[in-house]
mmCIF file of all heavy atoms, coordinates in Angstrom:
data_MODEL
# 
_entry.id   MODEL 
# 
loop_
_atom_site.group_PDB 
_atom_site.id 
_atom_site.type_symbol 
_atom_site.label_atom_id 
_atom_site.label_alt_id 
_atom_site.label_comp_id 
_atom_site.label_asym_id 
_atom_site.label_entity_id 
_atom_site.label_seq_id 
_atom_site.pdbx_PDB_ins_code 
_atom_site.Cartn_x 
_atom_site.Cartn_y 
_atom_site.Cartn_z 
_atom_site.occupancy 
_atom_site.B_iso_or_equiv 
_atom_site.pdbx_formal_charge 
_atom_site.auth_seq_id 
_atom_site.auth_comp_id 
_atom_site.auth_asym_id 
_atom_site.auth_atom_id 
_atom_site.pdbx_PDB_model_num 
ATOM 1   N N   . THR A 1 1  ? 112.833 -5.923  59.698 1.00 0.00 ? 1  THR A N   1 
ATOM 2   C CA  . THR A 1 1  ? 112.091 -5.753  60.942 1.00 0.00 ? 1  THR A CA  1 
ATOM 3   C C   . THR A 1 1  ? 112.671 -4.611  61.764 1.00 0.00 ? 1  THR A C   1 
ATOM 4   O O   . THR A 1 1  ? 113.856 -4.598  62.081 1.00 0.00 ? 1  THR A O   1 
ATOM 5   C CB  . THR A 1 1  ? 112.127 -7.049  61.780 1.00 0.00 ? 1  THR A CB  1 
ATOM 6   O OG1 . THR A 1 1  ? 111.543 -8.091  61.013 1.00 0.00 ? 1  THR A OG1 1 
ATOM 7   C CG2 . THR A 1 1  ? 111.357 -6.878  63.074 1.00 0.00 ? 1  THR A CG2 1 
ATOM 8   N N   . ASP A 1 2  ? 111.845 -3.648  62.086 1.00 0.00 ? 2  ASP A N   1 
ATOM 9   C CA  . ASP A 1 2  ? 112.235 -2.538  62.953 1.00 0.00 ? 2  ASP A CA  1 
ATOM 10  C C   . ASP A 1 2  ? 111.438 -2.670  64.238 1.00 0.00 ? 2  ASP A C   1 
ATOM 11  O O   . ASP A 1 2  ? 110.235 -2.434  64.257 1.00 0.00 ? 2  ASP A O   1 
ATOM 12  C CB  . ASP A 1 2  ? 111.939 -1.198  62.265 1.00 0.00 ? 2  ASP A CB  1 
ATOM 13  C CG  . ASP A 1 2  ? 112.337 -0.010  63.136 1.00 0.00 ? 2  ASP A CG  1 
ATOM 14  O OD1 . ASP A 1 2  ? 113.165 -0.207  64.043 1.00 0.00 ? 2  ASP A OD1 1 
ATOM 15  O OD2 . ASP A 1 2  ? 111.815 1.086   62.897 1.00 0.00 ? 2  ASP A OD2 1 
ATOM 16  N N   . ILE A 1 3  ? 112.095 -3.060  65.313 1.00 0.00 ? 3  ILE A N   1 
ATOM 17  C CA  . ILE A 1 3  ? 111.394 -3.354  66.561 1.00 0.00 ? 3  ILE A CA  1 
ATOM 18  C C   . ILE A 1 3  ? 111.668 -2.251  67.583 1.00 0.00 ? 3  ILE A C   1 
ATOM 19  O O   . ILE A 1 3  ? 112.795 -2.079  68.036 1.00 0.00 ? 3  ILE A O   1 
ATOM 20  C CB  . ILE A 1 3  ? 111.854 -4.707  67.142 1.00 0.00 ? 3  ILE A CB  1 
ATOM 21  C CG1 . ILE A 1 3  ? 111.636 -5.812  66.110 1.00 0.00 ? 3  ILE A CG1 1 
ATOM 22  C CG2 . ILE A 1 3  ? 111.115 -5.030  68.426 1.00 0.00 ? 3  ILE A CG2 1 
ATOM 23  C CD1 . ILE A 1 3  ? 112.214 -7.137  66.514 1.00 0.00 ? 3  ILE A CD1 1 
ATOM 24  N N   . PRO A 1 4  ? 110.661 -1.456  67.943 1.00 0.00 ? 4  PRO A N   1 
ATOM 25  C CA  . PRO A 1 4  ? 110.856 -0.426  68.962 1.00 0.00 ? 4  PRO A CA  1 
ATOM 26  C C   . PRO A 1 4  ? 111.359 -1.032  70.265 1.00 0.00 ? 4  PRO A C   1 
ATOM 27  O O   . PRO A 1 4  ? 110.928 -2.117  70.656 1.00 0.00 ? 4  PRO A O   1 
ATOM 28  C CB  . PRO A 1 4  ? 109.449 0.171   69.133 1.00 0.00 ? 4  PRO A CB  1 
ATOM 29  C CG  . PRO A 1 4  ? 108.729 -0.177  67.870 1.00 0.00 ? 4  PRO A CG  1 
ATOM 30  C CD  . PRO A 1 4  ? 109.288 -1.503  67.452 1.00 0.00 ? 4  PRO A CD  1 
ATOM 31  N N   . SER A 1 5  ? 112.252 -0.345  70.934 1.00 0.00 ? 5  SER A N   1 
ATOM 32  C CA  . SER A 1 5  ? 112.866 -0.907  72.139 1.00 0.00 ? 5  SER A CA  1 
ATOM 33  C C   . SER A 1 5  ? 111.861 -1.120  73.265 1.00 0.00 ? 5  SER A C   1 
ATOM 34  O O   . SER A 1 5  ? 112.086 -1.944  74.139 1.00 0.00 ? 5  SER A O   1 
ATOM 35  C CB  . SER A 1 5  ? 113.987 0.027   72.633 1.00 0.00 ? 5  SER A CB  1 
ATOM 36  O OG  . SER A 1 5  ? 113.453 1.317   72.928 1.00 0.00 ? 5  SER A OG  1 
ATOM 37  N N   . ASP A 1 6  ? 110.747 -0.383  73.261 1.00 0.00 ? 6  ASP A N   1 
ATOM 38  C CA  . ASP A 1 6  ? 109.782 -0.524  74.348 1.00 0.00 ? 6  ASP A CA  1 
ATOM 39  C C   . ASP A 1 6  ? 108.702 -1.554  74.041 1.00 0.00 ? 6  ASP A C   1 
ATOM 40  O O   . ASP A 1 6  ? 107.810 -1.778  74.841 1.00 0.00 ? 6  ASP A O   1 
ATOM 41  C CB  . ASP A 1 6  ? 109.129 0.830   74.679 1.00 0.00 ? 6  ASP A CB  1 
ATOM 42  C CG  . ASP A 1 6  ? 108.438 1.441   73.460 1.00 0.00 ? 6  ASP A CG  1 
ATOM 43  O OD1 . ASP A 1 6  ? 108.594 0.888   72.360 1.00 0.00 ? 6  ASP A OD1 1 
ATOM 44  O OD2 . ASP A 1 6  ? 107.760 2.458   73.633 1.00 0.00 ? 6  ASP A OD2 1 
ATOM 45  N N   . ARG A 1 7  ? 108.754 -2.174  72.880 1.00 0.00 ? 7  ARG A N   1 
ATOM 46  C CA  . ARG A 1 7  ? 107.768 -3.196  72.541 1.00 0.00 ? 7  ARG A CA  1 
ATOM 47  C C   . ARG A 1 7  ? 108.358 -4.549  72.911 1.00 0.00 ? 7  ARG A C   1 
ATOM 48  O O   . ARG A 1 7  ? 108.899 -5.280  72.096 1.00 0.00 ? 7  ARG A O   1 
ATOM 49  C CB  . ARG A 1 7  ? 107.410 -3.123  71.063 1.00 0.00 ? 7  ARG A CB  1 
ATOM 50  C CG  . ARG A 1 7  ? 106.234 -4.024  70.686 1.00 0.00 ? 7  ARG A CG  1 
ATOM 51  C CD  . ARG A 1 7  ? 105.791 -3.779  69.255 1.00 0.00 ? 7  ARG A CD  1 
ATOM 52  N NE  . ARG A 1 7  ? 105.060 -2.542  69.109 1.00 0.00 ? 7  ARG A NE  1 
ATOM 53  C CZ  . ARG A 1 7  ? 104.522 -2.122  67.963 1.00 0.00 ? 7  ARG A CZ  1 
ATOM 54  N NH1 . ARG A 1 7  ? 104.655 -2.843  66.885 1.00 0.00 ? 7  ARG A NH1 1 
ATOM 55  N NH2 . ARG A 1 7  ? 103.860 -0.977  67.905 1.00 0.00 ? 7  ARG A NH2 1 
ATOM 56  N N   . ILE A 1 8  ? 108.269 -4.888  74.184 1.00 0.00 ? 8  ILE A N   1 
ATOM 57  C CA  . ILE A 1 8  ? 109.011 -6.033  74.692 1.00 0.00 ? 8  ILE A CA  1 
ATOM 58  C C   . ILE A 1 8  ? 108.583 -7.345  74.061 1.00 0.00 ? 8  ILE A C   1 
ATOM 59  O O   . ILE A 1 8  ? 109.387 -8.266  73.942 1.00 0.00 ? 8  ILE A O   1 
ATOM 60  C CB  . ILE A 1 8  ? 108.894 -6.138  76.230 1.00 0.00 ? 8  ILE A CB  1 
ATOM 61  C CG1 . ILE A 1 8  ? 107.429 -6.325  76.649 1.00 0.00 ? 8  ILE A CG1 1 
ATOM 62  C CG2 . ILE A 1 8  ? 109.503 -4.942  76.901 1.00 0.00 ? 8  ILE A CG2 1 
ATOM 63  C CD1 . ILE A 1 8  ? 107.256 -6.680  78.099 1.00 0.00 ? 8  ILE A CD1 1 
ATOM 64  N N   . THR A 1 9  ? 107.328 -7.453  73.660 1.00 0.00 ? 9  THR A N   1 
ATOM 65  C CA  . THR A 1 9  ? 106.879 -8.718  73.098 1.00 0.00 ? 9  THR A CA  1 
ATOM 66  C C   . THR A 1 9  ? 107.525 -9.006  71.749 1.00 0.00 ? 9  THR A C   1 
ATOM 67  O O   . THR A 1 9  ? 107.423 -10.118 71.252 1.00 0.00 ? 9  THR A O   1 
ATOM 68  C CB  . THR A 1 9  ? 105.346 -8.732  72.920 1.00 0.00 ? 9  THR A CB  1 
ATOM 69  O OG1 . THR A 1 9  ? 104.961 -7.648  72.081 1.00 0.00 ? 9  THR A OG1 1 
ATOM 70  C CG2 . THR A 1 9  ? 104.648 -8.629  74.256 1.00 0.00 ? 9  THR A CG2 1 
ATOM 71  N N   . GLN A 1 10 ? 108.213 -8.019  71.162 1.00 0.00 ? 10 GLN A N   1 
ATOM 72  C CA  . GLN A 1 10 ? 108.892 -8.240  69.898 1.00 0.00 ? 10 GLN A CA  1 
ATOM 73  C C   . GLN A 1 10 ? 110.401 -8.084  70.023 1.00 0.00 ? 10 GLN A C   1 
ATOM 74  O O   . GLN A 1 10 ? 111.105 -8.047  69.025 1.00 0.00 ? 10 GLN A O   1 
ATOM 75  C CB  . GLN A 1 10 ? 108.345 -7.276  68.839 1.00 0.00 ? 10 GLN A CB  1 
ATOM 76  C CG  . GLN A 1 10 ? 106.873 -7.479  68.526 1.00 0.00 ? 10 GLN A CG  1 
ATOM 77  C CD  . GLN A 1 10 ? 106.563 -8.904  68.129 1.00 0.00 ? 10 GLN A CD  1 
ATOM 78  O OE1 . GLN A 1 10 ? 107.336 -9.567  67.450 1.00 0.00 ? 10 GLN A OE1 1 
ATOM 79  N NE2 . GLN A 1 10 ? 105.425 -9.416  68.576 1.00 0.00 ? 10 GLN A NE2 1 
ATOM 80  N N   . ALA A 1 11 ? 110.927 -7.974  71.246 1.00 0.00 ? 11 ALA A N   1 
ATOM 81  C CA  . ALA A 1 11 ? 112.368 -7.922  71.438 1.00 0.00 ? 11 ALA A CA  1 
ATOM 82  C C   . ALA A 1 11 ? 112.956 -9.288  71.107 1.00 0.00 ? 11 ALA A C   1 
ATOM 83  O O   . ALA A 1 11 ? 112.363 -10.322 71.393 1.00 0.00 ? 11 ALA A O   1 
ATOM 84  C CB  . ALA A 1 11 ? 112.692 -7.541  72.885 1.00 0.00 ? 11 ALA A CB  1 
ATOM 85  N N   . ARG A 1 12 ? 114.122 -9.302  70.512 1.00 0.00 ? 12 ARG A N   1 
ATOM 86  C CA  . ARG A 1 12 ? 114.684 -10.560 70.023 1.00 0.00 ? 12 ARG A CA  1 
ATOM 87  C C   . ARG A 1 12 ? 115.201 -11.455 71.146 1.00 0.00 ? 12 ARG A C   1 
ATOM 88  O O   . ARG A 1 12 ? 115.480 -12.629 70.917 1.00 0.00 ? 12 ARG A O   1 
ATOM 89  C CB  . ARG A 1 12 ? 115.795 -10.260 69.023 1.00 0.00 ? 12 ARG A CB  1 
ATOM 90  C CG  . ARG A 1 12 ? 115.243 -9.640  67.748 1.00 0.00 ? 12 ARG A CG  1 
ATOM 91  C CD  . ARG A 1 12 ? 116.317 -9.118  66.832 1.00 0.00 ? 12 ARG A CD  1 
ATOM 92  N NE  . ARG A 1 12 ? 115.711 -8.488  65.656 1.00 0.00 ? 12 ARG A NE  1 
ATOM 93  C CZ  . ARG A 1 12 ? 116.389 -7.782  64.769 1.00 0.00 ? 12 ARG A CZ  1 
ATOM 94  N NH1 . ARG A 1 12 ? 117.674 -7.597  64.915 1.00 0.00 ? 12 ARG A NH1 1 
ATOM 95  N NH2 . ARG A 1 12 ? 115.779 -7.254  63.735 1.00 0.00 ? 12 ARG A NH2 1 
ATOM 96  N N   . ASP A 1 13 ? 115.348 -10.924 72.327 1.00 0.00 ? 13 ASP A N   1 
ATOM 97  C CA  . ASP A 1 13 ? 115.787 -11.762 73.453 1.00 0.00 ? 13 ASP A CA  1 
ATOM 98  C C   . ASP A 1 13 ? 114.655 -11.997 74.446 1.00 0.00 ? 13 ASP A C   1 
ATOM 99  O O   . ASP A 1 13 ? 114.875 -12.425 75.572 1.00 0.00 ? 13 ASP A O   1 
ATOM 100 C CB  . ASP A 1 13 ? 116.980 -11.135 74.165 1.00 0.00 ? 13 ASP A CB  1 
ATOM 101 C CG  . ASP A 1 13 ? 116.686 -9.727  74.676 1.00 0.00 ? 13 ASP A CG  1 
ATOM 102 O OD1 . ASP A 1 13 ? 115.557 -9.240  74.441 1.00 0.00 ? 13 ASP A OD1 1 
ATOM 103 O OD2 . ASP A 1 13 ? 117.573 -9.123  75.292 1.00 0.00 ? 13 ASP A OD2 1 
ATOM 104 N N   . CYS A 1 14 ? 113.415 -11.727 74.008 1.00 0.00 ? 14 CYS A N   1 
ATOM 105 C CA  . CYS A 1 14 ? 112.251 -11.923 74.880 1.00 0.00 ? 14 CYS A CA  1 
ATOM 106 C C   . CYS A 1 14 ? 111.548 -13.227 74.514 1.00 0.00 ? 14 CYS A C   1 
ATOM 107 O O   . CYS A 1 14 ? 111.258 -13.478 73.343 1.00 0.00 ? 14 CYS A O   1 
ATOM 108 C CB  . CYS A 1 14 ? 111.274 -10.758 74.752 1.00 0.00 ? 14 CYS A CB  1 
ATOM 109 S SG  . CYS A 1 14 ? 109.757 -10.980 75.709 1.00 0.00 ? 14 CYS A SG  1 
ATOM 110 N N   . VAL A 1 15 ? 111.281 -14.054 75.531 1.00 0.00 ? 15 VAL A N   1 
ATOM 111 C CA  . VAL A 1 15 ? 110.504 -15.273 75.350 1.00 0.00 ? 15 VAL A CA  1 
ATOM 112 C C   . VAL A 1 15 ? 109.186 -15.096 76.094 1.00 0.00 ? 15 VAL A C   1 
ATOM 113 O O   . VAL A 1 15 ? 109.170 -14.885 77.303 1.00 0.00 ? 15 VAL A O   1 
ATOM 114 C CB  . VAL A 1 15 ? 111.239 -16.511 75.902 1.00 0.00 ? 15 VAL A CB  1 
ATOM 115 C CG1 . VAL A 1 15 ? 110.380 -17.765 75.705 1.00 0.00 ? 15 VAL A CG1 1 
ATOM 116 C CG2 . VAL A 1 15 ? 112.593 -16.674 75.225 1.00 0.00 ? 15 VAL A CG2 1 
ATOM 117 N N   . ILE A 1 16 ? 108.076 -15.123 75.365 1.00 0.00 ? 16 ILE A N   1 
ATOM 118 C CA  . ILE A 1 16 ? 106.760 -14.974 75.978 1.00 0.00 ? 16 ILE A CA  1 
ATOM 119 C C   . ILE A 1 16 ? 106.288 -16.362 76.413 1.00 0.00 ? 16 ILE A C   1 
ATOM 120 O O   . ILE A 1 16 ? 106.131 -17.254 75.582 1.00 0.00 ? 16 ILE A O   1 
ATOM 121 C CB  . ILE A 1 16 ? 105.744 -14.372 74.992 1.00 0.00 ? 16 ILE A CB  1 
ATOM 122 C CG1 . ILE A 1 16 ? 106.296 -13.092 74.362 1.00 0.00 ? 16 ILE A CG1 1 
ATOM 123 C CG2 . ILE A 1 16 ? 104.404 -14.109 75.682 1.00 0.00 ? 16 ILE A CG2 1 
ATOM 124 C CD1 . ILE A 1 16 ? 105.484 -12.591 73.188 1.00 0.00 ? 16 ILE A CD1 1 
ATOM 125 N N   . VAL A 1 17 ? 106.091 -16.527 77.704 1.00 0.00 ? 17 VAL A N   1 
ATOM 126 C CA  . VAL A 1 17 ? 105.638 -17.804 78.245 1.00 0.00 ? 17 VAL A CA  1 
ATOM 127 C C   . VAL A 1 17 ? 104.160 -17.671 78.606 1.00 0.00 ? 17 VAL A C   1 
ATOM 128 O O   . VAL A 1 17 ? 103.799 -16.871 79.467 1.00 0.00 ? 17 VAL A O   1 
ATOM 129 C CB  . VAL A 1 17 ? 106.450 -18.219 79.488 1.00 0.00 ? 17 VAL A CB  1 
ATOM 130 C CG1 . VAL A 1 17 ? 105.998 -19.589 79.994 1.00 0.00 ? 17 VAL A CG1 1 
ATOM 131 C CG2 . VAL A 1 17 ? 107.939 -18.232 79.179 1.00 0.00 ? 17 VAL A CG2 1 
ATOM 132 N N   . GLN A 1 18 ? 103.313 -18.436 77.924 1.00 0.00 ? 18 GLN A N   1 
ATOM 133 C CA  . GLN A 1 18 ? 101.881 -18.414 78.196 1.00 0.00 ? 18 GLN A CA  1 
ATOM 134 C C   . GLN A 1 18 ? 101.506 -19.721 78.880 1.00 0.00 ? 18 GLN A C   1 
ATOM 135 O O   . GLN A 1 18 ? 101.729 -20.800 78.335 1.00 0.00 ? 18 GLN A O   1 
ATOM 136 C CB  . GLN A 1 18 ? 101.103 -18.219 76.885 1.00 0.00 ? 18 GLN A CB  1 
ATOM 137 C CG  . GLN A 1 18 ? 101.458 -16.883 76.233 1.00 0.00 ? 18 GLN A CG  1 
ATOM 138 C CD  . GLN A 1 18 ? 100.855 -16.710 74.860 1.00 0.00 ? 18 GLN A CD  1 
ATOM 139 O OE1 . GLN A 1 18 ? 100.074 -15.807 74.634 1.00 0.00 ? 18 GLN A OE1 1 
ATOM 140 N NE2 . GLN A 1 18 ? 101.224 -17.560 73.931 1.00 0.00 ? 18 GLN A NE2 1 
ATOM 141 N N   . THR A 1 19 ? 100.967 -19.600 80.083 1.00 0.00 ? 19 THR A N   1 
ATOM 142 C CA  . THR A 1 19 ? 100.719 -20.768 80.926 1.00 0.00 ? 19 THR A CA  1 
ATOM 143 C C   . THR A 1 19 ? 99.273  -21.248 80.793 1.00 0.00 ? 19 THR A C   1 
ATOM 144 O O   . THR A 1 19 ? 98.415  -20.522 80.290 1.00 0.00 ? 19 THR A O   1 
ATOM 145 C CB  . THR A 1 19 ? 101.033 -20.427 82.396 1.00 0.00 ? 19 THR A CB  1 
ATOM 146 O OG1 . THR A 1 19 ? 100.217 -19.311 82.802 1.00 0.00 ? 19 THR A OG1 1 
ATOM 147 C CG2 . THR A 1 19 ? 102.498 -20.064 82.577 1.00 0.00 ? 19 THR A CG2 1 
ATOM 148 N N   . PRO A 1 20 ? 98.988  -22.475 81.232 1.00 0.00 ? 20 PRO A N   1 
ATOM 149 C CA  . PRO A 1 20 ? 97.639  -23.036 81.080 1.00 0.00 ? 20 PRO A CA  1 
ATOM 150 C C   . PRO A 1 20 ? 96.550  -22.126 81.639 1.00 0.00 ? 20 PRO A C   1 
ATOM 151 O O   . PRO A 1 20 ? 96.673  -21.579 82.731 1.00 0.00 ? 20 PRO A O   1 
ATOM 152 C CB  . PRO A 1 20 ? 97.720  -24.342 81.870 1.00 0.00 ? 20 PRO A CB  1 
ATOM 153 C CG  . PRO A 1 20 ? 99.153  -24.733 81.794 1.00 0.00 ? 20 PRO A CG  1 
ATOM 154 C CD  . PRO A 1 20 ? 99.912  -23.436 81.857 1.00 0.00 ? 20 PRO A CD  1 
ATOM 155 N N   . GLY A 1 21 ? 95.481  -21.953 80.851 1.00 0.00 ? 21 GLY A N   1 
ATOM 156 C CA  . GLY A 1 21 ? 94.351  -21.147 81.290 1.00 0.00 ? 21 GLY A CA  1 
ATOM 157 C C   . GLY A 1 21 ? 94.513  -19.660 81.057 1.00 0.00 ? 21 GLY A C   1 
ATOM 158 O O   . GLY A 1 21 ? 93.594  -18.886 81.359 1.00 0.00 ? 21 GLY A O   1 
ATOM 159 N N   . CYS A 1 22 ? 95.662  -19.225 80.528 1.00 0.00 ? 22 CYS A N   1 
ATOM 160 C CA  . CYS A 1 22 ? 95.881  -17.790 80.362 1.00 0.00 ? 22 CYS A CA  1 
ATOM 161 C C   . CYS A 1 22 ? 95.124  -17.248 79.162 1.00 0.00 ? 22 CYS A C   1 
ATOM 162 O O   . CYS A 1 22 ? 94.798  -17.973 78.221 1.00 0.00 ? 22 CYS A O   1 
ATOM 163 C CB  . CYS A 1 22 ? 97.370  -17.470 80.221 1.00 0.00 ? 22 CYS A CB  1 
ATOM 164 S SG  . CYS A 1 22 ? 97.979  -17.577 78.526 1.00 0.00 ? 22 CYS A SG  1 
ATOM 165 N N   . LYS A 1 23 ? 94.841  -15.948 79.202 1.00 0.00 ? 23 LYS A N   1 
ATOM 166 C CA  . LYS A 1 23 ? 94.277  -15.229 78.069 1.00 0.00 ? 23 LYS A CA  1 
ATOM 167 C C   . LYS A 1 23 ? 95.190  -14.036 77.823 1.00 0.00 ? 23 LYS A C   1 
ATOM 168 O O   . LYS A 1 23 ? 95.446  -13.258 78.728 1.00 0.00 ? 23 LYS A O   1 
ATOM 169 C CB  . LYS A 1 23 ? 92.848  -14.780 78.360 1.00 0.00 ? 23 LYS A CB  1 
ATOM 170 C CG  . LYS A 1 23 ? 91.860  -15.937 78.474 1.00 0.00 ? 23 LYS A CG  1 
ATOM 171 C CD  . LYS A 1 23 ? 90.444  -15.443 78.675 1.00 0.00 ? 23 LYS A CD  1 
ATOM 172 C CE  . LYS A 1 23 ? 89.472  -16.616 78.750 1.00 0.00 ? 23 LYS A CE  1 
ATOM 173 N NZ  . LYS A 1 23 ? 88.068  -16.160 78.950 1.00 0.00 ? 23 LYS A NZ  1 
ATOM 174 N N   . ASN A 1 24 ? 95.669  -13.922 76.602 1.00 0.00 ? 24 ASN A N   1 
ATOM 175 C CA  . ASN A 1 24 ? 96.659  -12.902 76.319 1.00 0.00 ? 24 ASN A CA  1 
ATOM 176 C C   . ASN A 1 24 ? 96.371  -12.213 74.993 1.00 0.00 ? 24 ASN A C   1 
ATOM 177 O O   . ASN A 1 24 ? 95.820  -12.815 74.075 1.00 0.00 ? 24 ASN A O   1 
ATOM 178 C CB  . ASN A 1 24 ? 98.061  -13.537 76.266 1.00 0.00 ? 24 ASN A CB  1 
ATOM 179 C CG  . ASN A 1 24 ? 99.155  -12.511 76.016 1.00 0.00 ? 24 ASN A CG  1 
ATOM 180 O OD1 . ASN A 1 24 ? 99.113  -11.409 76.549 1.00 0.00 ? 24 ASN A OD1 1 
ATOM 181 N ND2 . ASN A 1 24 ? 100.125 -12.865 75.205 1.00 0.00 ? 24 ASN A ND2 1 
ATOM 182 N N   . VAL A 1 25 ? 96.730  -10.943 74.918 1.00 0.00 ? 25 VAL A N   1 
ATOM 183 C CA  . VAL A 1 25 ? 96.629  -10.169 73.684 1.00 0.00 ? 25 VAL A CA  1 
ATOM 184 C C   . VAL A 1 25 ? 98.041  -9.760  73.286 1.00 0.00 ? 25 VAL A C   1 
ATOM 185 O O   . VAL A 1 25 ? 98.780  -9.207  74.096 1.00 0.00 ? 25 VAL A O   1 
ATOM 186 C CB  . VAL A 1 25 ? 95.768  -8.910  73.871 1.00 0.00 ? 25 VAL A CB  1 
ATOM 187 C CG1 . VAL A 1 25 ? 95.749  -8.088  72.587 1.00 0.00 ? 25 VAL A CG1 1 
ATOM 188 C CG2 . VAL A 1 25 ? 94.361  -9.280  74.286 1.00 0.00 ? 25 VAL A CG2 1 
# 
């Protein structure tokens, strides 16, 4: 896995929190 530093959704210390009713891409 090569993860660009500016692609935060794939940073290994990033937790994406999706809350009720959200729509996300």
